[in-house]
């Protein structure tokens, strides 16, 4: 692991942690994640479409939070960071916080979302 994390990576980790905490207690979302939470119905629809064998309520909460953050970045802030960078970051966070299959699951779902002509 890098001794000094990139500030953007640190911010993503913070946002992922906030989403995970919000998902656990379903309280009013903190300002940092309000725009992400407001888009969850559309984000979850993408997850359901591109991971049909995994109902939202069966996806590991860590993986779900990472996916929601990454999909929000890809769909709602596309001019800020290239999608491939978002995916790489999501996979790294999954390796750090998820289980042994998290990174490959997240990579597969996000890779499907960004494939050309793969929009529902």
PDB file of N, CA and C in Angstrom:
ATOM      1  N   UNK A   1       0.842  -1.188   0.000  1.00  0.00           N
ATOM      2  CA  UNK A   1       0.000   0.000   0.000  1.00  0.00           C
ATOM      3  C   UNK A   1       0.882   1.245   0.000  1.00  0.00           C
ATOM      4  N   UNK A   2       0.444   2.253  -0.683  1.00  0.00           N
ATOM      5  CA  UNK A   2       1.197   3.497  -0.752  1.00  0.00           C
ATOM      6  C   UNK A   2       1.282   4.131   0.635  1.00  0.00           C
ATOM      7  N   UNK A   3       2.444   4.711   0.930  1.00  0.00           N
ATOM      8  CA  UNK A   3       2.594   5.329   2.250  1.00  0.00           C
ATOM      9  C   UNK A   3       1.793   6.627   2.337  1.00  0.00           C
ATOM     10  N   UNK A   4       1.668   7.323   1.228  1.00  0.00           N
ATOM     11  CA  UNK A   4       0.899   8.567   1.231  1.00  0.00           C
ATOM     12  C   UNK A   4      -0.185   8.458   0.170  1.00  0.00           C
ATOM     13  N   UNK A   5      -1.425   8.431   0.628  1.00  0.00           N
ATOM     14  CA  UNK A   5      -2.540   8.268  -0.300  1.00  0.00           C
ATOM     15  C   UNK A   5      -2.822   9.554  -1.071  1.00  0.00           C
ATOM     16  N   UNK A   6      -3.181   9.377  -2.305  1.00  0.00           N
ATOM     17  CA  UNK A   6      -3.615  10.473  -3.155  1.00  0.00           C
ATOM     18  C   UNK A   6      -4.846  11.106  -2.504  1.00  0.00           C
ATOM     19  N   UNK A   7      -4.935  12.432  -2.472  1.00  0.00           N
ATOM     20  CA  UNK A   7      -6.091  13.086  -1.839  1.00  0.00           C
ATOM     21  C   UNK A   7      -7.432  12.665  -2.453  1.00  0.00           C
ATOM     22  N   UNK A   8      -7.454  12.391  -3.753  1.00  0.00           N
ATOM     23  CA  UNK A   8      -8.700  11.956  -4.391  1.00  0.00           C
ATOM     24  C   UNK A   8      -9.087  10.556  -3.914  1.00  0.00           C
ATOM     25  N   UNK A   9      -8.074   9.711  -3.714  1.00  0.00           N
ATOM     26  CA  UNK A   9      -8.335   8.361  -3.196  1.00  0.00           C
ATOM     27  C   UNK A   9      -8.859   8.449  -1.761  1.00  0.00           C
ATOM     28  N   UNK A  10      -8.251   9.307  -0.970  1.00  0.00           N
ATOM     29  CA  UNK A  10      -8.712   9.495   0.413  1.00  0.00           C
ATOM     30  C   UNK A  10     -10.158   9.988   0.433  1.00  0.00           C
ATOM     31  N   UNK A  11     -10.486  10.886  -0.490  1.00  0.00           N
ATOM     32  CA  UNK A  11     -11.857  11.411  -0.554  1.00  0.00           C
ATOM     33  C   UNK A  11     -12.833  10.298  -0.924  1.00  0.00           C
ATOM     34  N   UNK A  12     -12.455   9.453  -1.878  1.00  0.00           N
ATOM     35  CA  UNK A  12     -13.330   8.336  -2.257  1.00  0.00           C
ATOM     36  C   UNK A  12     -13.536   7.380  -1.085  1.00  0.00           C
ATOM     37  N   UNK A  13     -12.477   7.101  -0.352  1.00  0.00           N
ATOM     38  CA  UNK A  13     -12.601   6.223   0.813  1.00  0.00           C
ATOM     39  C   UNK A  13     -13.557   6.846   1.824  1.00  0.00           C
ATOM     40  N   UNK A  14     -13.411   8.140   2.043  1.00  0.00           N
ATOM     41  CA  UNK A  14     -14.308   8.835   2.978  1.00  0.00           C
ATOM     42  C   UNK A  14     -15.764   8.741   2.501  1.00  0.00           C
ATOM     43  N   UNK A  15     -16.005   8.991   1.230  1.00  0.00           N
ATOM     44  CA  UNK A  15     -17.372   8.927   0.697  1.00  0.00           C
ATOM     45  C   UNK A  15     -17.926   7.510   0.791  1.00  0.00           C
ATOM     46  N   UNK A  16     -17.094   6.514   0.471  1.00  0.00           N
ATOM     47  CA  UNK A  16     -17.516   5.118   0.604  1.00  0.00           C
ATOM     48  C   UNK A  16     -17.899   4.819   2.050  1.00  0.00           C
ATOM     49  N   UNK A  17     -17.086   5.269   2.999  1.00  0.00           N
ATOM     50  CA  UNK A  17     -17.364   5.019   4.414  1.00  0.00           C
ATOM     51  C   UNK A  17     -18.652   5.713   4.849  1.00  0.00           C
ATOM     52  N   UNK A  18     -18.879   6.922   4.367  1.00  0.00           N
ATOM     53  CA  UNK A  18     -20.114   7.639   4.691  1.00  0.00           C
ATOM     54  C   UNK A  18     -21.334   6.917   4.116  1.00  0.00           C
ATOM     55  N   UNK A  19     -21.220   6.431   2.877  1.00  0.00           N
ATOM     56  CA  UNK A  19     -22.324   5.677   2.267  1.00  0.00           C
ATOM     57  C   UNK A  19     -22.597   4.397   3.044  1.00  0.00           C
ATOM     58  N   UNK A  20     -21.545   3.701   3.432  1.00  0.00           N
ATOM     59  CA  UNK A  20     -21.702   2.466   4.192  1.00  0.00           C
ATOM     60  C   UNK A  20     -22.394   2.747   5.529  1.00  0.00           C
ATOM     61  N   UNK A  21     -21.969   3.801   6.209  1.00  0.00           N
ATOM     62  CA  UNK A  21     -22.579   4.163   7.497  1.00  0.00           C
ATOM     63  C   UNK A  21     -24.044   4.534   7.292  1.00  0.00           C
ATOM     64  N   UNK A  22     -24.327   5.316   6.257  1.00  0.00           N
ATOM     65  CA  UNK A  22     -25.707   5.707   5.977  1.00  0.00           C
ATOM     66  C   UNK A  22     -26.559   4.466   5.693  1.00  0.00           C
ATOM     67  N   UNK A  23     -26.051   3.556   4.901  1.00  0.00           N
ATOM     68  CA  UNK A  23     -26.776   2.328   4.564  1.00  0.00           C
ATOM     69  C   UNK A  23     -27.079   1.518   5.818  1.00  0.00           C
ATOM     70  N   UNK A  24     -26.182   1.554   6.773  1.00  0.00           N
ATOM     71  CA  UNK A  24     -26.353   0.772   8.000  1.00  0.00           C
ATOM     72  C   UNK A  24     -27.435   1.329   8.913  1.00  0.00           C
ATOM     73  N   UNK A  25     -27.533   2.665   8.971  1.00  0.00           N
ATOM     74  CA  UNK A  25     -28.490   3.254   9.918  1.00  0.00           C
ATOM     75  C   UNK A  25     -29.643   4.011   9.258  1.00  0.00           C
ATOM     76  N   UNK A  26     -29.552   4.227   7.950  1.00  0.00           N
ATOM     77  CA  UNK A  26     -30.610   4.914   7.191  1.00  0.00           C
ATOM     78  C   UNK A  26     -31.056   6.232   7.832  1.00  0.00           C
ATOM     79  N   UNK A  27     -30.088   6.997   8.291  1.00  0.00           N
ATOM     80  CA  UNK A  27     -30.397   8.312   8.846  1.00  0.00           C
ATOM     81  C   UNK A  27     -30.347   9.347   7.729  1.00  0.00           C
ATOM     82  N   UNK A  28     -30.535  10.584   8.077  1.00  0.00           N
ATOM     83  CA  UNK A  28     -30.390  11.653   7.099  1.00  0.00           C
ATOM     84  C   UNK A  28     -28.942  11.650   6.624  1.00  0.00           C
ATOM     85  N   UNK A  29     -28.735  11.587   5.308  1.00  0.00           N
ATOM     86  CA  UNK A  29     -27.358  11.526   4.817  1.00  0.00           C
ATOM     87  C   UNK A  29     -26.593  12.818   5.083  1.00  0.00           C
ATOM     88  N   UNK A  30     -25.318  12.665   5.360  1.00  0.00           N
ATOM     89  CA  UNK A  30     -24.464  13.838   5.532  1.00  0.00           C
ATOM     90  C   UNK A  30     -24.336  14.555   4.198  1.00  0.00           C
ATOM     91  N   UNK A  31     -24.013  15.825   4.258  1.00  0.00           N
ATOM     92  CA  UNK A  31     -23.914  16.652   3.060  1.00  0.00           C
ATOM     93  C   UNK A  31     -23.002  16.032   1.999  1.00  0.00           C
ATOM     94  N   UNK A  32     -21.906  15.426   2.415  1.00  0.00           N
ATOM     95  CA  UNK A  32     -20.933  14.858   1.476  1.00  0.00           C
ATOM     96  C   UNK A  32     -21.548  13.804   0.553  1.00  0.00           C
ATOM     97  N   UNK A  33     -22.562  13.091   1.028  1.00  0.00           N
ATOM     98  CA  UNK A  33     -23.142  12.012   0.218  1.00  0.00           C
ATOM     99  C   UNK A  33     -24.590  12.273  -0.203  1.00  0.00           C
ATOM    100  N   UNK A  34     -25.104  13.442   0.109  1.00  0.00           N
ATOM    101  CA  UNK A  34     -26.507  13.746  -0.213  1.00  0.00           C
ATOM    102  C   UNK A  34     -26.819  13.574  -1.699  1.00  0.00           C
ATOM    103  N   UNK A  35     -25.943  14.056  -2.564  1.00  0.00           N
ATOM    104  CA  UNK A  35     -26.215  13.940  -3.998  1.00  0.00           C
ATOM    105  C   UNK A  35     -26.144  12.490  -4.465  1.00  0.00           C
ATOM    106  N   UNK A  36     -25.301  11.686  -3.823  1.00  0.00           N
ATOM    107  CA  UNK A  36     -25.231  10.263  -4.171  1.00  0.00           C
ATOM    108  C   UNK A  36     -26.518   9.576  -3.725  1.00  0.00           C
ATOM    109  N   UNK A  37     -26.909   9.802  -2.480  1.00  0.00           N
ATOM    110  CA  UNK A  37     -28.110   9.169  -1.928  1.00  0.00           C
ATOM    111  C   UNK A  37     -29.348   9.551  -2.743  1.00  0.00           C
ATOM    112  N   UNK A  38     -29.397  10.792  -3.219  1.00  0.00           N
ATOM    113  CA  UNK A  38     -30.563  11.224  -3.999  1.00  0.00           C
ATOM    114  C   UNK A  38     -30.681  10.471  -5.327  1.00  0.00           C
ATOM    115  N   UNK A  39     -29.587   9.896  -5.791  1.00  0.00           N
ATOM    116  CA  UNK A  39     -29.592   9.169  -7.066  1.00  0.00           C
ATOM    117  C   UNK A  39     -29.642   7.649  -6.888  1.00  0.00           C
ATOM    118  N   UNK A  40     -29.776   7.173  -5.655  1.00  0.00           N
ATOM    119  CA  UNK A  40     -29.738   5.727  -5.399  1.00  0.00           C
ATOM    120  C   UNK A  40     -30.775   4.938  -6.201  1.00  0.00           C
ATOM    121  N   UNK A  41     -32.010   5.411  -6.371  1.00  0.00           N
ATOM    122  CA  UNK A  41     -32.939   4.606  -7.193  1.00  0.00           C
ATOM    123  C   UNK A  41     -32.394   4.328  -8.603  1.00  0.00           C
ATOM    124  N   UNK A  42     -31.835   5.341  -9.242  1.00  0.00           N
ATOM    125  CA  UNK A  42     -31.282   5.147 -10.590  1.00  0.00           C
ATOM    126  C   UNK A  42     -30.011   4.298 -10.541  1.00  0.00           C
ATOM    127  N   UNK A  43     -29.166   4.542  -9.537  1.00  0.00           N
ATOM    128  CA  UNK A  43     -27.927   3.762  -9.385  1.00  0.00           C
ATOM    129  C   UNK A  43     -28.268   2.290  -9.146  1.00  0.00           C
ATOM    130  N   UNK A  44     -29.200   2.034  -8.247  1.00  0.00           N
ATOM    131  CA  UNK A  44     -29.575   0.655  -7.942  1.00  0.00           C
ATOM    132  C   UNK A  44     -30.216  -0.032  -9.146  1.00  0.00           C
ATOM    133  N   UNK A  45     -30.925   0.718  -9.970  1.00  0.00           N
ATOM    134  CA  UNK A  45     -31.497   0.150 -11.192  1.00  0.00           C
ATOM    135  C   UNK A  45     -30.376  -0.329 -12.116  1.00  0.00           C
ATOM    136  N   UNK A  46     -29.305   0.431 -12.203  1.00  0.00           N
ATOM    137  CA  UNK A  46     -28.142   0.016 -13.013  1.00  0.00           C
ATOM    138  C   UNK A  46     -27.523  -1.254 -12.438  1.00  0.00           C
ATOM    139  N   UNK A  47     -27.363  -1.287 -11.119  1.00  0.00           N
ATOM    140  CA  UNK A  47     -26.783  -2.473 -10.488  1.00  0.00           C
ATOM    141  C   UNK A  47     -27.669  -3.684 -10.777  1.00  0.00           C
ATOM    142  N   UNK A  48     -28.975  -3.532 -10.610  1.00  0.00           N
ATOM    143  CA  UNK A  48     -29.905  -4.634 -10.851  1.00  0.00           C
ATOM    144  C   UNK A  48     -29.844  -5.110 -12.305  1.00  0.00           C
ATOM    145  N   UNK A  49     -29.695  -4.179 -13.219  1.00  0.00           N
ATOM    146  CA  UNK A  49     -29.638  -4.524 -14.642  1.00  0.00           C
ATOM    147  C   UNK A  49     -28.339  -5.244 -14.997  1.00  0.00           C
ATOM    148  N   UNK A  50     -27.219  -4.749 -14.476  1.00  0.00           N
ATOM    149  CA  UNK A  50     -25.912  -5.295 -14.845  1.00  0.00           C
ATOM    150  C   UNK A  50     -25.415  -6.408 -13.921  1.00  0.00           C
ATOM    151  N   UNK A  51     -26.125  -6.672 -12.844  1.00  0.00           N
ATOM    152  CA  UNK A  51     -25.809  -7.802 -11.959  1.00  0.00           C
ATOM    153  C   UNK A  51     -27.112  -8.526 -11.623  1.00  0.00           C
ATOM    154  N   UNK A  52     -27.794  -9.057 -12.652  1.00  0.00           N
ATOM    155  CA  UNK A  52     -29.130  -9.613 -12.447  1.00  0.00           C
ATOM    156  C   UNK A  52     -29.187 -10.808 -11.492  1.00  0.00           C
ATOM    157  N   UNK A  53     -28.075 -11.495 -11.311  1.00  0.00           N
ATOM    158  CA  UNK A  53     -28.073 -12.652 -10.400  1.00  0.00           C
ATOM    159  C   UNK A  53     -27.931 -12.233  -8.941  1.00  0.00           C
ATOM    160  N   UNK A  54     -27.730 -10.933  -8.717  1.00  0.00           N
ATOM    161  CA  UNK A  54     -27.517 -10.424  -7.360  1.00  0.00           C
ATOM    162  C   UNK A  54     -28.539  -9.354  -7.021  1.00  0.00           C
ATOM    163  N   UNK A  55     -29.648  -9.721  -6.385  1.00  0.00           N
ATOM    164  CA  UNK A  55     -30.607  -8.695  -5.944  1.00  0.00           C
ATOM    165  C   UNK A  55     -29.915  -7.714  -4.979  1.00  0.00           C
ATOM    166  N   UNK A  56     -30.310  -6.478  -5.039  1.00  0.00           N
ATOM    167  CA  UNK A  56     -29.693  -5.430  -4.220  1.00  0.00           C
ATOM    168  C   UNK A  56     -29.607  -5.841  -2.752  1.00  0.00           C
ATOM    169  N   UNK A  57     -30.661  -6.438  -2.226  1.00  0.00           N
ATOM    170  CA  UNK A  57     -30.655  -6.793  -0.804  1.00  0.00           C
ATOM    171  C   UNK A  57     -29.752  -7.979  -0.477  1.00  0.00           C
ATOM    172  N   UNK A  58     -29.196  -8.629  -1.497  1.00  0.00           N
ATOM    173  CA  UNK A  58     -28.285  -9.755  -1.274  1.00  0.00           C
ATOM    174  C   UNK A  58     -26.815  -9.372  -1.490  1.00  0.00           C
ATOM    175  N   UNK A  59     -26.580  -8.178  -1.999  1.00  0.00           N
ATOM    176  CA  UNK A  59     -25.200  -7.738  -2.234  1.00  0.00           C
ATOM    177  C   UNK A  59     -24.586  -7.296  -0.908  1.00  0.00           C
ATOM    178  N   UNK A  60     -23.375  -7.752  -0.671  1.00  0.00           N
ATOM    179  CA  UNK A  60     -22.609  -7.350   0.506  1.00  0.00           C
ATOM    180  C   UNK A  60     -22.666  -5.818   0.629  1.00  0.00           C
ATOM    181  N   UNK A  61     -22.943  -5.309   1.814  1.00  0.00           N
ATOM    182  CA  UNK A  61     -23.116  -3.852   2.023  1.00  0.00           C
ATOM    183  C   UNK A  61     -21.863  -3.056   1.644  1.00  0.00           C
ATOM    184  N   UNK A  62     -20.704  -3.621   1.864  1.00  0.00           N
ATOM    185  CA  UNK A  62     -19.467  -2.929   1.476  1.00  0.00           C
ATOM    186  C   UNK A  62     -19.418  -2.808  -0.043  1.00  0.00           C
ATOM    187  N   UNK A  63     -19.654  -3.921  -0.726  1.00  0.00           N
ATOM    188  CA  UNK A  63     -19.637  -3.900  -2.189  1.00  0.00           C
ATOM    189  C   UNK A  63     -20.694  -2.944  -2.738  1.00  0.00           C
ATOM    190  N   UNK A  64     -21.861  -2.952  -2.126  1.00  0.00           N
ATOM    191  CA  UNK A  64     -22.941  -2.078  -2.574  1.00  0.00           C
ATOM    192  C   UNK A  64     -22.548  -0.610  -2.436  1.00  0.00           C
ATOM    193  N   UNK A  65     -21.938  -0.262  -1.333  1.00  0.00           N
ATOM    194  CA  UNK A  65     -21.516   1.131  -1.135  1.00  0.00           C
ATOM    195  C   UNK A  65     -20.447   1.539  -2.144  1.00  0.00           C
ATOM    196  N   UNK A  66     -19.509   0.636  -2.413  1.00  0.00           N
ATOM    197  CA  UNK A  66     -18.462   0.928  -3.403  1.00  0.00           C
ATOM    198  C   UNK A  66     -19.084   1.078  -4.785  1.00  0.00           C
ATOM    199  N   UNK A  67     -19.980   0.174  -5.143  1.00  0.00           N
ATOM    200  CA  UNK A  67     -20.653   0.266  -6.443  1.00  0.00           C
ATOM    201  C   UNK A  67     -21.446   1.559  -6.575  1.00  0.00           C
ATOM    202  N   UNK A  68     -22.191   1.894  -5.550  1.00  0.00           N
ATOM    203  CA  UNK A  68     -22.998   3.125  -5.615  1.00  0.00           C
ATOM    204  C   UNK A  68     -22.131   4.356  -5.832  1.00  0.00           C
ATOM    205  N   UNK A  69     -21.031   4.439  -5.125  1.00  0.00           N
ATOM    206  CA  UNK A  69     -20.127   5.579  -5.289  1.00  0.00           C
ATOM    207  C   UNK A  69     -19.562   5.612  -6.705  1.00  0.00           C
ATOM    208  N   UNK A  70     -19.063   4.484  -7.168  1.00  0.00           N
ATOM    209  CA  UNK A  70     -18.444   4.444  -8.496  1.00  0.00           C
ATOM    210  C   UNK A  70     -19.458   4.738  -9.603  1.00  0.00           C
ATOM    211  N   UNK A  71     -20.644   4.148  -9.506  1.00  0.00           N
ATOM    212  CA  UNK A  71     -21.663   4.391 -10.532  1.00  0.00           C
ATOM    213  C   UNK A  71     -22.100   5.844 -10.503  1.00  0.00           C
ATOM    214  N   UNK A  72     -22.217   6.417  -9.334  1.00  0.00           N
ATOM    215  CA  UNK A  72     -22.562   7.844  -9.237  1.00  0.00           C
ATOM    216  C   UNK A  72     -21.498   8.680  -9.954  1.00  0.00           C
ATOM    217  N   UNK A  73     -20.235   8.364  -9.702  1.00  0.00           N
ATOM    218  CA  UNK A  73     -19.165   9.121 -10.379  1.00  0.00           C
ATOM    219  C   UNK A  73     -19.239   8.951 -11.891  1.00  0.00           C
ATOM    220  N   UNK A  74     -19.450   7.728 -12.353  1.00  0.00           N
ATOM    221  CA  UNK A  74     -19.491   7.455 -13.790  1.00  0.00           C
ATOM    222  C   UNK A  74     -20.684   8.131 -14.455  1.00  0.00           C
ATOM    223  N   UNK A  75     -21.855   8.043 -13.837  1.00  0.00           N
ATOM    224  CA  UNK A  75     -23.071   8.562 -14.463  1.00  0.00           C
ATOM    225  C   UNK A  75     -23.318  10.048 -14.236  1.00  0.00           C
ATOM    226  N   UNK A  76     -23.001  10.539 -13.048  1.00  0.00           N
ATOM    227  CA  UNK A  76     -23.415  11.892 -12.683  1.00  0.00           C
ATOM    228  C   UNK A  76     -22.288  12.907 -12.626  1.00  0.00           C
ATOM    229  N   UNK A  77     -21.035  12.446 -12.716  1.00  0.00           N
ATOM    230  CA  UNK A  77     -19.907  13.379 -12.778  1.00  0.00           C
ATOM    231  C   UNK A  77     -18.922  12.915 -13.855  1.00  0.00           C
ATOM    232  N   UNK A  78     -19.422  12.608 -15.052  1.00  0.00           N
ATOM    233  CA  UNK A  78     -18.567  11.976 -16.067  1.00  0.00           C
ATOM    234  C   UNK A  78     -17.412  12.842 -16.569  1.00  0.00           C
ATOM    235  N   UNK A  79     -17.509  14.136 -16.421  1.00  0.00           N
ATOM    236  CA  UNK A  79     -16.453  15.017 -16.915  1.00  0.00           C
ATOM    237  C   UNK A  79     -15.327  15.210 -15.910  1.00  0.00           C
ATOM    238  N   UNK A  80     -15.511  14.725 -14.686  1.00  0.00           N
ATOM    239  CA  UNK A  80     -14.501  14.954 -13.653  1.00  0.00           C
ATOM    240  C   UNK A  80     -13.370  13.934 -13.675  1.00  0.00           C
ATOM    241  N   UNK A  81     -13.716  12.665 -13.840  1.00  0.00           N
ATOM    242  CA  UNK A  81     -12.708  11.604 -13.812  1.00  0.00           C
ATOM    243  C   UNK A  81     -13.087  10.563 -14.862  1.00  0.00           C
ATOM    244  N   UNK A  82     -12.114  10.086 -15.645  1.00  0.00           N
ATOM    245  CA  UNK A  82     -12.439   9.040 -16.620  1.00  0.00           C
ATOM    246  C   UNK A  82     -12.993   7.790 -15.932  1.00  0.00           C
ATOM    247  N   UNK A  83     -13.941   7.136 -16.580  1.00  0.00           N
ATOM    248  CA  UNK A  83     -14.596   5.960 -16.004  1.00  0.00           C
ATOM    249  C   UNK A  83     -13.592   4.874 -15.622  1.00  0.00           C
ATOM    250  N   UNK A  84     -12.565   4.684 -16.426  1.00  0.00           N
ATOM    251  CA  UNK A  84     -11.583   3.637 -16.117  1.00  0.00           C
ATOM    252  C   UNK A  84     -10.827   3.940 -14.826  1.00  0.00           C
ATOM    253  N   UNK A  85     -10.597   5.202 -14.558  1.00  0.00           N
ATOM    254  CA  UNK A  85      -9.945   5.592 -13.306  1.00  0.00           C
ATOM    255  C   UNK A  85     -10.886   5.315 -12.135  1.00  0.00           C
ATOM    256  N   UNK A  86     -12.156   5.641 -12.305  1.00  0.00           N
ATOM    257  CA  UNK A  86     -13.155   5.379 -11.265  1.00  0.00           C
ATOM    258  C   UNK A  86     -13.197   3.881 -10.964  1.00  0.00           C
ATOM    259  N   UNK A  87     -13.182   3.062 -12.002  1.00  0.00           N
ATOM    260  CA  UNK A  87     -13.215   1.608 -11.807  1.00  0.00           C
ATOM    261  C   UNK A  87     -11.963   1.130 -11.082  1.00  0.00           C
ATOM    262  N   UNK A  88     -10.800   1.611 -11.499  1.00  0.00           N
ATOM    263  CA  UNK A  88      -9.554   1.223 -10.818  1.00  0.00           C
ATOM    264  C   UNK A  88      -9.603   1.576  -9.339  1.00  0.00           C
ATOM    265  N   UNK A  89     -10.097   2.768  -9.037  1.00  0.00           N
ATOM    266  CA  UNK A  89     -10.203   3.208  -7.643  1.00  0.00           C
ATOM    267  C   UNK A  89     -11.192   2.325  -6.871  1.00  0.00           C
ATOM    268  N   UNK A  90     -12.330   2.012  -7.487  1.00  0.00           N
ATOM    269  CA  UNK A  90     -13.335   1.169  -6.829  1.00  0.00           C
ATOM    270  C   UNK A  90     -12.764  -0.215  -6.535  1.00  0.00           C
ATOM    271  N   UNK A  91     -12.014  -0.763  -7.479  1.00  0.00           N
ATOM    272  CA  UNK A  91     -11.396  -2.081  -7.288  1.00  0.00           C
ATOM    273  C   UNK A  91     -10.382  -2.031  -6.149  1.00  0.00           C
ATOM    274  N   UNK A  92      -9.608  -0.961  -6.079  1.00  0.00           N
ATOM    275  CA  UNK A  92      -8.629  -0.821  -4.992  1.00  0.00           C
ATOM    276  C   UNK A  92      -9.322  -0.723  -3.631  1.00  0.00           C
ATOM    277  N   UNK A  93     -10.396   0.034  -3.565  1.00  0.00           N
ATOM    278  CA  UNK A  93     -11.146   0.144  -2.303  1.00  0.00           C
ATOM    279  C   UNK A  93     -11.741  -1.216  -1.938  1.00  0.00           C
ATOM    280  N   UNK A  94     -12.231  -1.941  -2.936  1.00  0.00           N
ATOM    281  CA  UNK A  94     -12.787  -3.274  -2.687  1.00  0.00           C
ATOM    282  C   UNK A  94     -11.727  -4.230  -2.156  1.00  0.00           C
ATOM    283  N   UNK A  95     -10.524  -4.135  -2.691  1.00  0.00           N
ATOM    284  CA  UNK A  95      -9.435  -4.991  -2.212  1.00  0.00           C
ATOM    285  C   UNK A  95      -9.106  -4.687  -0.750  1.00  0.00           C
ATOM    286  N   UNK A  96      -9.196  -3.413  -0.397  1.00  0.00           N
ATOM    287  CA  UNK A  96      -8.849  -2.991   0.960  1.00  0.00           C
ATOM    288  C   UNK A  96      -9.955  -3.294   1.967  1.00  0.00           C
ATOM    289  N   UNK A  97     -11.218  -3.101   1.572  1.00  0.00           N
ATOM    290  CA  UNK A  97     -12.325  -3.187   2.529  1.00  0.00           C
ATOM    291  C   UNK A  97     -13.261  -4.384   2.328  1.00  0.00           C
ATOM    292  N   UNK A  98     -13.276  -4.945   1.130  1.00  0.00           N
ATOM    293  CA  UNK A  98     -14.215  -6.024   0.830  1.00  0.00           C
ATOM    294  C   UNK A  98     -13.663  -7.400   1.140  1.00  0.00           C
ATOM    295  N   UNK A  99     -14.367  -8.402   0.649  1.00  0.00           N
ATOM    296  CA  UNK A  99     -13.895  -9.773   0.827  1.00  0.00           C
ATOM    297  C   UNK A  99     -13.094 -10.192  -0.407  1.00  0.00           C
ATOM    298  N   UNK A 100     -12.708 -11.457  -0.458  1.00  0.00           N
ATOM    299  CA  UNK A 100     -11.817 -11.883  -1.543  1.00  0.00           C
ATOM    300  C   UNK A 100     -12.443 -11.819  -2.934  1.00  0.00           C
ATOM    301  N   UNK A 101     -13.766 -11.834  -3.028  1.00  0.00           N
ATOM    302  CA  UNK A 101     -14.404 -11.755  -4.348  1.00  0.00           C
ATOM    303  C   UNK A 101     -14.924 -10.357  -4.688  1.00  0.00           C
ATOM    304  N   UNK A 102     -14.818  -9.425  -3.749  1.00  0.00           N
ATOM    305  CA  UNK A 102     -15.368  -8.078  -3.966  1.00  0.00           C
ATOM    306  C   UNK A 102     -14.780  -7.375  -5.176  1.00  0.00           C
ATOM    307  N   UNK A 103     -13.463  -7.383  -5.304  1.00  0.00           N
ATOM    308  CA  UNK A 103     -12.838  -6.608  -6.383  1.00  0.00           C
ATOM    309  C   UNK A 103     -13.240  -7.132  -7.755  1.00  0.00           C
ATOM    310  N   UNK A 104     -13.309  -8.452  -7.927  1.00  0.00           N
ATOM    311  CA  UNK A 104     -13.686  -8.981  -9.241  1.00  0.00           C
ATOM    312  C   UNK A 104     -15.169  -8.728  -9.530  1.00  0.00           C
ATOM    313  N   UNK A 105     -16.025  -8.826  -8.514  1.00  0.00           N
ATOM    314  CA  UNK A 105     -17.445  -8.538  -8.688  1.00  0.00           C
ATOM    315  C   UNK A 105     -17.643  -7.077  -9.109  1.00  0.00           C
ATOM    316  N   UNK A 106     -17.002  -6.173  -8.396  1.00  0.00           N
ATOM    317  CA  UNK A 106     -17.133  -4.744  -8.684  1.00  0.00           C
ATOM    318  C   UNK A 106     -16.570  -4.420 -10.063  1.00  0.00           C
ATOM    319  N   UNK A 107     -15.434  -4.994 -10.396  1.00  0.00           N
ATOM    320  CA  UNK A 107     -14.831  -4.773 -11.707  1.00  0.00           C
ATOM    321  C   UNK A 107     -15.772  -5.246 -12.819  1.00  0.00           C
ATOM    322  N   UNK A 108     -16.392  -6.403 -12.635  1.00  0.00           N
ATOM    323  CA  UNK A 108     -17.296  -6.946 -13.656  1.00  0.00           C
ATOM    324  C   UNK A 108     -18.527  -6.060 -13.842  1.00  0.00           C
ATOM    325  N   UNK A 109     -19.146  -5.654 -12.744  1.00  0.00           N
ATOM    326  CA  UNK A 109     -20.355  -4.820 -12.842  1.00  0.00           C
ATOM    327  C   UNK A 109     -20.027  -3.480 -13.488  1.00  0.00           C
ATOM    328  N   UNK A 110     -18.989  -2.827 -12.996  1.00  0.00           N
ATOM    329  CA  UNK A 110     -18.642  -1.508 -13.538  1.00  0.00           C
ATOM    330  C   UNK A 110     -18.156  -1.603 -14.981  1.00  0.00           C
ATOM    331  N   UNK A 111     -17.412  -2.652 -15.296  1.00  0.00           N
ATOM    332  CA  UNK A 111     -16.963  -2.846 -16.677  1.00  0.00           C
ATOM    333  C   UNK A 111     -18.133  -3.013 -17.625  1.00  0.00           C
ATOM    334  N   UNK A 112     -19.159  -3.729 -17.190  1.00  0.00           N
ATOM    335  CA  UNK A 112     -20.362  -3.903 -18.022  1.00  0.00           C
ATOM    336  C   UNK A 112     -21.072  -2.579 -18.237  1.00  0.00           C
ATOM    337  N   UNK A 113     -21.109  -1.759 -17.208  1.00  0.00           N
ATOM    338  CA  UNK A 113     -21.803  -0.478 -17.310  1.00  0.00           C
ATOM    339  C   UNK A 113     -21.141   0.437 -18.332  1.00  0.00           C
ATOM    340  N   UNK A 114     -19.830   0.419 -18.411  1.00  0.00           N
ATOM    341  CA  UNK A 114     -19.162   1.366 -19.322  1.00  0.00           C
ATOM    342  C   UNK A 114     -18.939   0.826 -20.732  1.00  0.00           C
ATOM    343  N   UNK A 115     -19.278  -0.443 -20.962  1.00  0.00           N
ATOM    344  CA  UNK A 115     -19.115  -0.982 -22.314  1.00  0.00           C
ATOM    345  C   UNK A 115     -20.001  -0.204 -23.278  1.00  0.00           C
ATOM    346  N   UNK A 116     -19.465   0.106 -24.467  1.00  0.00           N
ATOM    347  CA  UNK A 116     -20.294   0.806 -25.454  1.00  0.00           C
ATOM    348  C   UNK A 116     -21.551  -0.013 -25.774  1.00  0.00           C
ATOM    349  N   UNK A 117     -22.621   0.680 -26.024  1.00  0.00           N
ATOM    350  CA  UNK A 117     -23.910   0.059 -26.385  1.00  0.00           C
ATOM    351  C   UNK A 117     -24.469  -0.828 -25.287  1.00  0.00           C
ATOM    352  N   UNK A 118     -24.098  -0.560 -24.050  1.00  0.00           N
ATOM    353  CA  UNK A 118     -24.582  -1.379 -22.945  1.00  0.00           C
ATOM    354  C   UNK A 118     -25.446  -0.569 -22.003  1.00  0.00           C
ATOM    355  N   UNK A 119     -26.252   0.275 -22.539  1.00  0.00           N
ATOM    356  CA  UNK A 119     -27.106   1.110 -21.689  1.00  0.00           C
ATOM    357  C   UNK A 119     -28.545   0.687 -21.860  1.00  0.00           C
ATOM    358  N   UNK A 120     -29.209   0.517 -20.704  1.00  0.00           N
ATOM    359  CA  UNK A 120     -30.601   0.054 -20.775  1.00  0.00           C
ATOM    360  C   UNK A 120     -31.561   1.134 -21.168  1.00  0.00           C
TER     361      UNK A 120
END
